[in-house]
Amino acid sequence: MKIQISRLSPHQNGKVFGVLTALVSLVFVIPMALLVSFMPPGVDANGNVVNQPSAAFFLVFPIVYLVMGYIMTVAGCALYNLMFKYLGGIEYESRDQ
């Protein structure tokens, strides 16, 4: 039995994908923050000490991933819903067992 997906819910899919990307970004952000916290301070061209980024700087990344993941998923779902009328939807095949 072939089934076509006729509509994707932009808000629901955006929430799920936004939270998912924010959580996955923590896999990279936490080790990166730990590595930066143990690095010695840098020096600029004039010999002045350059401070390390604060922990709040690293908290920005998951928030950006959450917001952008939400926005892009909502846009993608809205585009899919618009194009479904003209091109048809994603098809998949299933069977009862």
PDB file of N, CA and C in Angstrom:
ATOM      1  N   MET A   1       0.839  -1.163   0.000  1.00  0.00           N
ATOM      2  CA  MET A   1       0.000   0.000   0.000  1.00  0.00           C
ATOM      3  C   MET A   1       0.895   1.241   0.000  1.00  0.00           C
ATOM      4  N   LYS A   2       0.758   2.091  -1.023  1.00  0.00           N
ATOM      5  CA  LYS A   2       1.524   3.330  -1.092  1.00  0.00           C
ATOM      6  C   LYS A   2       0.755   4.429  -0.371  1.00  0.00           C
ATOM      7  N   ILE A   3       1.473   5.160   0.451  1.00  0.00           N
ATOM      8  CA  ILE A   3       0.875   6.239   1.235  1.00  0.00           C
ATOM      9  C   ILE A   3       1.631   7.524   0.916  1.00  0.00           C
ATOM     10  N   GLN A   4       0.899   8.623   0.765  1.00  0.00           N
ATOM     11  CA  GLN A   4       1.498   9.927   0.511  1.00  0.00           C
ATOM     12  C   GLN A   4       1.308  10.820   1.727  1.00  0.00           C
ATOM     13  N   ILE A   5       2.364  11.527   2.084  1.00  0.00           N
ATOM     14  CA  ILE A   5       2.281  12.505   3.171  1.00  0.00           C
ATOM     15  C   ILE A   5       1.753  13.797   2.565  1.00  0.00           C
ATOM     16  N   SER A   6       0.550  14.215   2.974  1.00  0.00           N
ATOM     17  CA  SER A   6      -0.085  15.376   2.351  1.00  0.00           C
ATOM     18  C   SER A   6       0.231  16.687   3.065  1.00  0.00           C
ATOM     19  N   ARG A   7       0.599  16.639   4.333  1.00  0.00           N
ATOM     20  CA  ARG A   7       0.882  17.871   5.068  1.00  0.00           C
ATOM     21  C   ARG A   7       1.847  17.588   6.203  1.00  0.00           C
ATOM     22  N   LEU A   8       2.795  18.501   6.388  1.00  0.00           N
ATOM     23  CA  LEU A   8       3.702  18.457   7.526  1.00  0.00           C
ATOM     24  C   LEU A   8       3.373  19.640   8.433  1.00  0.00           C
ATOM     25  N   SER A   9       3.289  19.414   9.720  1.00  0.00           N
ATOM     26  CA  SER A   9       2.979  20.478  10.677  1.00  0.00           C
ATOM     27  C   SER A   9       4.242  21.313  10.930  1.00  0.00           C
ATOM     28  N   PRO A  10       4.279  22.559  10.453  1.00  0.00           N
ATOM     29  CA  PRO A  10       5.501  23.358  10.602  1.00  0.00           C
ATOM     30  C   PRO A  10       5.898  23.611  12.056  1.00  0.00           C
ATOM     31  N   HIS A  11       4.951  24.007  12.901  1.00  0.00           N
ATOM     32  CA  HIS A  11       5.295  24.349  14.284  1.00  0.00           C
ATOM     33  C   HIS A  11       5.761  23.121  15.068  1.00  0.00           C
ATOM     34  N   GLN A  12       5.047  22.024  14.964  1.00  0.00           N
ATOM     35  CA  GLN A  12       5.417  20.822  15.718  1.00  0.00           C
ATOM     36  C   GLN A  12       6.770  20.282  15.260  1.00  0.00           C
ATOM     37  N   ASN A  13       6.965  20.183  13.953  1.00  0.00           N
ATOM     38  CA  ASN A  13       8.245  19.695  13.440  1.00  0.00           C
ATOM     39  C   ASN A  13       9.375  20.656  13.777  1.00  0.00           C
ATOM     40  N   GLY A  14       9.091  21.970  13.744  1.00  0.00           N
ATOM     41  CA  GLY A  14      10.103  22.958  14.102  1.00  0.00           C
ATOM     42  C   GLY A  14      10.530  22.846  15.551  1.00  0.00           C
ATOM     43  N   LYS A  15       9.560  22.630  16.451  1.00  0.00           N
ATOM     44  CA  LYS A  15       9.895  22.458  17.875  1.00  0.00           C
ATOM     45  C   LYS A  15      10.791  21.249  18.074  1.00  0.00           C
ATOM     46  N   VAL A  16      10.397  20.136  17.484  1.00  0.00           N
ATOM     47  CA  VAL A  16      11.152  18.894  17.677  1.00  0.00           C
ATOM     48  C   VAL A  16      12.561  19.034  17.109  1.00  0.00           C
ATOM     49  N   PHE A  17      12.677  19.534  15.883  1.00  0.00           N
ATOM     50  CA  PHE A  17      13.991  19.630  15.257  1.00  0.00           C
ATOM     51  C   PHE A  17      14.860  20.684  15.932  1.00  0.00           C
ATOM     52  N   GLY A  18      14.265  21.802  16.374  1.00  0.00           N
ATOM     53  CA  GLY A  18      15.034  22.822  17.072  1.00  0.00           C
ATOM     54  C   GLY A  18      15.635  22.309  18.370  1.00  0.00           C
ATOM     55  N   VAL A  19      14.838  21.616  19.165  1.00  0.00           N
ATOM     56  CA  VAL A  19      15.340  21.048  20.425  1.00  0.00           C
ATOM     57  C   VAL A  19      16.375  19.963  20.146  1.00  0.00           C
ATOM     58  N   LEU A  20      16.125  19.156  19.134  1.00  0.00           N
ATOM     59  CA  LEU A  20      17.068  18.089  18.783  1.00  0.00           C
ATOM     60  C   LEU A  20      18.422  18.661  18.374  1.00  0.00           C
ATOM     61  N   THR A  21      18.442  19.688  17.536  1.00  0.00           N
ATOM     62  CA  THR A  21      19.721  20.271  17.124  1.00  0.00           C
ATOM     63  C   THR A  21      20.424  20.966  18.289  1.00  0.00           C
ATOM     64  N   ALA A  22      19.662  21.588  19.186  1.00  0.00           N
ATOM     65  CA  ALA A  22      20.279  22.222  20.353  1.00  0.00           C
ATOM     66  C   ALA A  22      20.938  21.177  21.246  1.00  0.00           C
ATOM     67  N   LEU A  23      20.268  20.052  21.457  1.00  0.00           N
ATOM     68  CA  LEU A  23      20.853  18.993  22.288  1.00  0.00           C
ATOM     69  C   LEU A  23      22.074  18.369  21.626  1.00  0.00           C
ATOM     70  N   VAL A  24      22.008  18.153  20.331  1.00  0.00           N
ATOM     71  CA  VAL A  24      23.149  17.560  19.628  1.00  0.00           C
ATOM     72  C   VAL A  24      24.331  18.527  19.624  1.00  0.00           C
ATOM     73  N   SER A  25      24.072  19.829  19.568  1.00  0.00           N
ATOM     74  CA  SER A  25      25.175  20.793  19.587  1.00  0.00           C
ATOM     75  C   SER A  25      25.937  20.750  20.908  1.00  0.00           C
ATOM     76  N   LEU A  26      25.276  20.317  21.983  1.00  0.00           N
ATOM     77  CA  LEU A  26      25.968  20.202  23.274  1.00  0.00           C
ATOM     78  C   LEU A  26      27.086  19.173  23.228  1.00  0.00           C
ATOM     79  N   VAL A  27      26.961  18.178  22.358  1.00  0.00           N
ATOM     80  CA  VAL A  27      28.013  17.167  22.201  1.00  0.00           C
ATOM     81  C   VAL A  27      29.317  17.836  21.771  1.00  0.00           C
ATOM     82  N   PHE A  28      29.227  18.915  21.009  1.00  0.00           N
ATOM     83  CA  PHE A  28      30.417  19.620  20.549  1.00  0.00           C
ATOM     84  C   PHE A  28      30.776  20.791  21.454  1.00  0.00           C
ATOM     85  N   VAL A  29      29.778  21.467  21.991  1.00  0.00           N
ATOM     86  CA  VAL A  29      30.017  22.684  22.770  1.00  0.00           C
ATOM     87  C   VAL A  29      30.676  22.379  24.107  1.00  0.00           C
ATOM     88  N   ILE A  30      30.241  21.346  24.793  1.00  0.00           N
ATOM     89  CA  ILE A  30      30.799  21.039  26.120  1.00  0.00           C
ATOM     90  C   ILE A  30      32.285  20.695  26.041  1.00  0.00           C
ATOM     91  N   PRO A  31      32.717  19.769  25.162  1.00  0.00           N
ATOM     92  CA  PRO A  31      34.160  19.517  25.070  1.00  0.00           C
ATOM     93  C   PRO A  31      34.949  20.747  24.610  1.00  0.00           C
ATOM     94  N   MET A  32      34.372  21.529  23.695  1.00  0.00           N
ATOM     95  CA  MET A  32      35.061  22.726  23.228  1.00  0.00           C
ATOM     96  C   MET A  32      35.238  23.719  24.377  1.00  0.00           C
ATOM     97  N   ALA A  33      34.224  23.899  25.208  1.00  0.00           N
ATOM     98  CA  ALA A  33      34.321  24.813  26.349  1.00  0.00           C
ATOM     99  C   ALA A  33      35.361  24.321  27.350  1.00  0.00           C
ATOM    100  N   LEU A  34      35.405  23.013  27.573  1.00  0.00           N
ATOM    101  CA  LEU A  34      36.409  22.467  28.493  1.00  0.00           C
ATOM    102  C   LEU A  34      37.821  22.668  27.958  1.00  0.00           C
ATOM    103  N   LEU A  35      38.019  22.436  26.675  1.00  0.00           N
ATOM    104  CA  LEU A  35      39.348  22.628  26.090  1.00  0.00           C
ATOM    105  C   LEU A  35      39.787  24.083  26.167  1.00  0.00           C
ATOM    106  N   VAL A  36      38.896  24.993  25.874  1.00  0.00           N
ATOM    107  CA  VAL A  36      39.239  26.415  25.913  1.00  0.00           C
ATOM    108  C   VAL A  36      39.521  26.864  27.343  1.00  0.00           C
ATOM    109  N   SER A  37      38.826  26.300  28.318  1.00  0.00           N
ATOM    110  CA  SER A  37      39.048  26.718  29.705  1.00  0.00           C
ATOM    111  C   SER A  37      40.432  26.318  30.217  1.00  0.00           C
ATOM    112  N   PHE A  38      41.033  25.286  29.628  1.00  0.00           N
ATOM    113  CA  PHE A  38      42.361  24.851  30.067  1.00  0.00           C
ATOM    114  C   PHE A  38      43.494  25.433  29.224  1.00  0.00           C
ATOM    115  N   MET A  39      43.165  26.182  28.195  1.00  0.00           N
ATOM    116  CA  MET A  39      44.205  26.785  27.362  1.00  0.00           C
ATOM    117  C   MET A  39      44.800  27.998  28.064  1.00  0.00           C
ATOM    118  N   PRO A  40      46.100  28.222  27.892  1.00  0.00           N
ATOM    119  CA  PRO A  40      46.688  29.436  28.476  1.00  0.00           C
ATOM    120  C   PRO A  40      46.197  30.664  27.707  1.00  0.00           C
ATOM    121  N   PRO A  41      46.177  31.822  28.370  1.00  0.00           N
ATOM    122  CA  PRO A  41      45.714  33.020  27.672  1.00  0.00           C
ATOM    123  C   PRO A  41      46.640  33.360  26.505  1.00  0.00           C
ATOM    124  N   GLY A  42      46.046  33.899  25.455  1.00  0.00           N
ATOM    125  CA  GLY A  42      46.825  34.281  24.280  1.00  0.00           C
ATOM    126  C   GLY A  42      47.393  35.676  24.422  1.00  0.00           C
ATOM    127  N   VAL A  43      48.228  36.037  23.453  1.00  0.00           N
ATOM    128  CA  VAL A  43      48.855  37.356  23.432  1.00  0.00           C
ATOM    129  C   VAL A  43      48.636  37.949  22.048  1.00  0.00           C
ATOM    130  N   ASP A  44      48.257  39.236  21.999  1.00  0.00           N
ATOM    131  CA  ASP A  44      48.054  39.866  20.692  1.00  0.00           C
ATOM    132  C   ASP A  44      49.374  40.385  20.134  1.00  0.00           C
ATOM    133  N   ALA A  45      49.334  41.108  19.021  1.00  0.00           N
ATOM    134  CA  ALA A  45      50.543  41.580  18.338  1.00  0.00           C
ATOM    135  C   ALA A  45      51.341  42.564  19.190  1.00  0.00           C
ATOM    136  N   ASN A  46      50.694  43.268  20.104  1.00  0.00           N
ATOM    137  CA  ASN A  46      51.388  44.235  20.962  1.00  0.00           C
ATOM    138  C   ASN A  46      51.868  43.627  22.271  1.00  0.00           C
ATOM    139  N   GLY A  47      51.638  42.344  22.486  1.00  0.00           N
ATOM    140  CA  GLY A  47      52.063  41.685  23.712  1.00  0.00           C
ATOM    141  C   GLY A  47      51.042  41.746  24.829  1.00  0.00           C
ATOM    142  N   ASN A  48      49.856  42.242  24.556  1.00  0.00           N
ATOM    143  CA  ASN A  48      48.800  42.315  25.569  1.00  0.00           C
ATOM    144  C   ASN A  48      48.110  40.961  25.701  1.00  0.00           C
ATOM    145  N   VAL A  49      47.739  40.635  26.920  1.00  0.00           N
ATOM    146  CA  VAL A  49      47.062  39.363  27.186  1.00  0.00           C
ATOM    147  C   VAL A  49      45.634  39.429  26.649  1.00  0.00           C
ATOM    148  N   VAL A  50      45.231  38.379  25.942  1.00  0.00           N
ATOM    149  CA  VAL A  50      43.876  38.277  25.401  1.00  0.00           C
ATOM    150  C   VAL A  50      43.112  37.277  26.260  1.00  0.00           C
ATOM    151  N   ASN A  51      42.014  37.704  26.850  1.00  0.00           N
ATOM    152  CA  ASN A  51      41.227  36.834  27.727  1.00  0.00           C
ATOM    153  C   ASN A  51      40.498  35.753  26.934  1.00  0.00           C
ATOM    154  N   GLN A  52      40.233  34.646  27.618  1.00  0.00           N
ATOM    155  CA  GLN A  52      39.468  33.556  27.014  1.00  0.00           C
ATOM    156  C   GLN A  52      37.991  33.935  26.974  1.00  0.00           C
ATOM    157  N   PRO A  53      37.241  33.357  26.037  1.00  0.00           N
ATOM    158  CA  PRO A  53      35.795  33.614  26.032  1.00  0.00           C
ATOM    159  C   PRO A  53      35.148  33.059  27.299  1.00  0.00           C
ATOM    160  N   SER A  54      34.106  33.727  27.753  1.00  0.00           N
ATOM    161  CA  SER A  54      33.422  33.279  28.970  1.00  0.00           C
ATOM    162  C   SER A  54      32.539  32.071  28.668  1.00  0.00           C
ATOM    163  N   ALA A  55      32.041  31.459  29.721  1.00  0.00           N
ATOM    164  CA  ALA A  55      31.150  30.301  29.565  1.00  0.00           C
ATOM    165  C   ALA A  55      29.851  30.708  28.879  1.00  0.00           C
ATOM    166  N   ALA A  56      29.421  31.945  29.095  1.00  0.00           N
ATOM    167  CA  ALA A  56      28.194  32.425  28.453  1.00  0.00           C
ATOM    168  C   ALA A  56      28.340  32.442  26.938  1.00  0.00           C
ATOM    169  N   PHE A  57      29.558  32.660  26.456  1.00  0.00           N
ATOM    170  CA  PHE A  57      29.810  32.640  25.016  1.00  0.00           C
ATOM    171  C   PHE A  57      29.455  31.278  24.427  1.00  0.00           C
ATOM    172  N   PHE A  58      29.765  30.220  25.142  1.00  0.00           N
ATOM    173  CA  PHE A  58      29.494  28.872  24.640  1.00  0.00           C
ATOM    174  C   PHE A  58      28.019  28.495  24.764  1.00  0.00           C
ATOM    175  N   LEU A  59      27.288  29.169  25.639  1.00  0.00           N
ATOM    176  CA  LEU A  59      25.853  28.906  25.747  1.00  0.00           C
ATOM    177  C   LEU A  59      25.069  29.506  24.583  1.00  0.00           C
ATOM    178  N   VAL A  60      25.690  30.410  23.852  1.00  0.00           N
ATOM    179  CA  VAL A  60      25.030  31.029  22.707  1.00  0.00           C
ATOM    180  C   VAL A  60      24.829  30.009  21.586  1.00  0.00           C
ATOM    181  N   PHE A  61      25.776  29.105  21.398  1.00  0.00           N
ATOM    182  CA  PHE A  61      25.701  28.155  20.286  1.00  0.00           C
ATOM    183  C   PHE A  61      24.456  27.271  20.323  1.00  0.00           C
ATOM    184  N   PRO A  62      24.134  26.608  21.436  1.00  0.00           N
ATOM    185  CA  PRO A  62      22.906  25.802  21.438  1.00  0.00           C
ATOM    186  C   PRO A  62      21.648  26.636  21.211  1.00  0.00           C
ATOM    187  N   ILE A  63      21.642  27.870  21.694  1.00  0.00           N
ATOM    188  CA  ILE A  63      20.477  28.730  21.486  1.00  0.00           C
ATOM    189  C   ILE A  63      20.342  29.090  20.010  1.00  0.00           C
ATOM    190  N   VAL A  64      21.464  29.394  19.367  1.00  0.00           N
ATOM    191  CA  VAL A  64      21.433  29.704  17.934  1.00  0.00           C
ATOM    192  C   VAL A  64      20.979  28.484  17.145  1.00  0.00           C
ATOM    193  N   TYR A  65      21.482  27.309  17.509  1.00  0.00           N
ATOM    194  CA  TYR A  65      21.057  26.080  16.826  1.00  0.00           C
ATOM    195  C   TYR A  65      19.563  25.841  17.025  1.00  0.00           C
ATOM    196  N   LEU A  66      19.059  26.091  18.218  1.00  0.00           N
ATOM    197  CA  LEU A  66      17.634  25.911  18.493  1.00  0.00           C
ATOM    198  C   LEU A  66      16.794  26.832  17.617  1.00  0.00           C
ATOM    199  N   VAL A  67      17.140  28.106  17.600  1.00  0.00           N
ATOM    200  CA  VAL A  67      16.358  29.090  16.840  1.00  0.00           C
ATOM    201  C   VAL A  67      16.453  28.824  15.341  1.00  0.00           C
ATOM    202  N   MET A  68      17.666  28.611  14.841  1.00  0.00           N
ATOM    203  CA  MET A  68      17.823  28.393  13.401  1.00  0.00           C
ATOM    204  C   MET A  68      17.230  27.053  12.971  1.00  0.00           C
ATOM    205  N   GLY A  69      17.355  26.033  13.813  1.00  0.00           N
ATOM    206  CA  GLY A  69      16.728  24.750  13.493  1.00  0.00           C
ATOM    207  C   GLY A  69      15.225  24.880  13.401  1.00  0.00           C
ATOM    208  N   TYR A  70      14.642  25.648  14.310  1.00  0.00           N
ATOM    209  CA  TYR A  70      13.195  25.876  14.285  1.00  0.00           C
ATOM    210  C   TYR A  70      12.790  26.634  13.024  1.00  0.00           C
ATOM    211  N   ILE A  71      13.466  27.744  12.758  1.00  0.00           N
ATOM    212  CA  ILE A  71      13.101  28.591  11.615  1.00  0.00           C
ATOM    213  C   ILE A  71      13.242  27.834  10.298  1.00  0.00           C
ATOM    214  N   MET A  72      14.342  27.133  10.115  1.00  0.00           N
ATOM    215  CA  MET A  72      14.570  26.436   8.847  1.00  0.00           C
ATOM    216  C   MET A  72      13.597  25.273   8.668  1.00  0.00           C
ATOM    217  N   THR A  73      13.245  24.597   9.746  1.00  0.00           N
ATOM    218  CA  THR A  73      12.283  23.495   9.639  1.00  0.00           C
ATOM    219  C   THR A  73      10.890  24.020   9.328  1.00  0.00           C
ATOM    220  N   VAL A  74      10.499  25.114   9.962  1.00  0.00           N
ATOM    221  CA  VAL A  74       9.197  25.720   9.657  1.00  0.00           C
ATOM    222  C   VAL A  74       9.156  26.147   8.194  1.00  0.00           C
ATOM    223  N   ALA A  75      10.235  26.752   7.714  1.00  0.00           N
ATOM    224  CA  ALA A  75      10.277  27.173   6.309  1.00  0.00           C
ATOM    225  C   ALA A  75      10.219  25.965   5.378  1.00  0.00           C
ATOM    226  N   GLY A  76      10.950  24.910   5.712  1.00  0.00           N
ATOM    227  CA  GLY A  76      10.930  23.704   4.883  1.00  0.00           C
ATOM    228  C   GLY A  76       9.569  23.037   4.851  1.00  0.00           C
ATOM    229  N   CYS A  77       8.909  22.956   6.000  1.00  0.00           N
ATOM    230  CA  CYS A  77       7.567  22.354   6.051  1.00  0.00           C
ATOM    231  C   CYS A  77       6.554  23.203   5.294  1.00  0.00           C
ATOM    232  N   ALA A  78       6.658  24.521   5.425  1.00  0.00           N
ATOM    233  CA  ALA A  78       5.741  25.403   4.698  1.00  0.00           C
ATOM    234  C   ALA A  78       5.948  25.267   3.195  1.00  0.00           C
ATOM    235  N   LEU A  79       7.193  25.170   2.768  1.00  0.00           N
ATOM    236  CA  LEU A  79       7.481  24.976   1.345  1.00  0.00           C
ATOM    237  C   LEU A  79       6.950  23.632   0.863  1.00  0.00           C
ATOM    238  N   TYR A  80       7.133  22.588   1.661  1.00  0.00           N
ATOM    239  CA  TYR A  80       6.600  21.266   1.306  1.00  0.00           C
ATOM    240  C   TYR A  80       5.081  21.326   1.165  1.00  0.00           C
ATOM    241  N   ASN A  81       4.411  21.954   2.127  1.00  0.00           N
ATOM    242  CA  ASN A  81       2.948  22.044   2.085  1.00  0.00           C
ATOM    243  C   ASN A  81       2.473  22.822   0.862  1.00  0.00           C
ATOM    244  N   LEU A  82       3.225  23.841   0.466  1.00  0.00           N
ATOM    245  CA  LEU A  82       2.874  24.617  -0.716  1.00  0.00           C
ATOM    246  C   LEU A  82       3.089  23.798  -1.989  1.00  0.00           C
ATOM    247  N   MET A  83       4.211  23.103  -2.064  1.00  0.00           N
ATOM    248  CA  MET A  83       4.551  22.361  -3.277  1.00  0.00           C
ATOM    249  C   MET A  83       3.759  21.066  -3.416  1.00  0.00           C
ATOM    250  N   PHE A  84       3.175  20.570  -2.333  1.00  0.00           N
ATOM    251  CA  PHE A  84       2.404  19.324  -2.397  1.00  0.00           C
ATOM    252  C   PHE A  84       1.260  19.431  -3.395  1.00  0.00           C
ATOM    253  N   LYS A  85       0.645  20.598  -3.472  1.00  0.00           N
ATOM    254  CA  LYS A  85      -0.485  20.792  -4.380  1.00  0.00           C
ATOM    255  C   LYS A  85      -0.082  20.574  -5.838  1.00  0.00           C
ATOM    256  N   TYR A  86       1.148  20.934  -6.164  1.00  0.00           N
ATOM    257  CA  TYR A  86       1.589  20.903  -7.556  1.00  0.00           C
ATOM    258  C   TYR A  86       2.379  19.646  -7.915  1.00  0.00           C
ATOM    259  N   LEU A  87       3.155  19.126  -6.987  1.00  0.00           N
ATOM    260  CA  LEU A  87       4.056  18.016  -7.298  1.00  0.00           C
ATOM    261  C   LEU A  87       3.664  16.700  -6.648  1.00  0.00           C
ATOM    262  N   GLY A  88       2.825  16.731  -5.659  1.00  0.00           N
ATOM    263  CA  GLY A  88       2.526  15.522  -4.896  1.00  0.00           C
ATOM    264  C   GLY A  88       3.470  15.442  -3.710  1.00  0.00           C
ATOM    265  N   GLY A  89       3.199  14.511  -2.829  1.00  0.00           N
ATOM    266  CA  GLY A  89       3.975  14.422  -1.600  1.00  0.00           C
ATOM    267  C   GLY A  89       4.986  13.301  -1.612  1.00  0.00           C
ATOM    268  N   ILE A  90       5.643  13.141  -0.494  1.00  0.00           N
ATOM    269  CA  ILE A  90       6.583  12.042  -0.296  1.00  0.00           C
ATOM    270  C   ILE A  90       5.765  10.766  -0.194  1.00  0.00           C
ATOM    271  N   GLU A  91       6.172   9.760  -0.933  1.00  0.00           N
ATOM    272  CA  GLU A  91       5.468   8.477  -0.897  1.00  0.00           C
ATOM    273  C   GLU A  91       6.316   7.443  -0.184  1.00  0.00           C
ATOM    274  N   TYR A  92       5.638   6.591   0.549  1.00  0.00           N
ATOM    275  CA  TYR A  92       6.300   5.430   1.124  1.00  0.00           C
ATOM    276  C   TYR A  92       5.339   4.262   1.048  1.00  0.00           C
ATOM    277  N   GLU A  93       5.889   3.088   1.142  1.00  0.00           N
ATOM    278  CA  GLU A  93       5.082   1.884   1.018  1.00  0.00           C
ATOM    279  C   GLU A  93       5.046   1.172   2.359  1.00  0.00           C
ATOM    280  N   SER A  94       3.872   0.721   2.743  1.00  0.00           N
ATOM    281  CA  SER A  94       3.731  -0.027   3.991  1.00  0.00           C
ATOM    282  C   SER A  94       2.843  -1.231   3.745  1.00  0.00           C
ATOM    283  N   ARG A  95       2.918  -2.161   4.664  1.00  0.00           N
ATOM    284  CA  ARG A  95       2.056  -3.345   4.561  1.00  0.00           C
ATOM    285  C   ARG A  95       1.680  -3.799   5.956  1.00  0.00           C
ATOM    286  N   ASP A  96       0.535  -4.431   6.052  1.00  0.00           N
ATOM    287  CA  ASP A  96       0.061  -4.971   7.322  1.00  0.00           C
ATOM    288  C   ASP A  96       0.670  -6.343   7.532  1.00  0.00           C
ATOM    289  N   GLN A  97       1.012  -6.629   8.770  1.00  0.00           N
ATOM    290  CA  GLN A  97       1.595  -7.944   9.059  1.00  0.00           C
ATOM    291  C   GLN A  97       0.749  -8.688  10.050  1.00  0.00           C
TER     292      GLN A  97
END
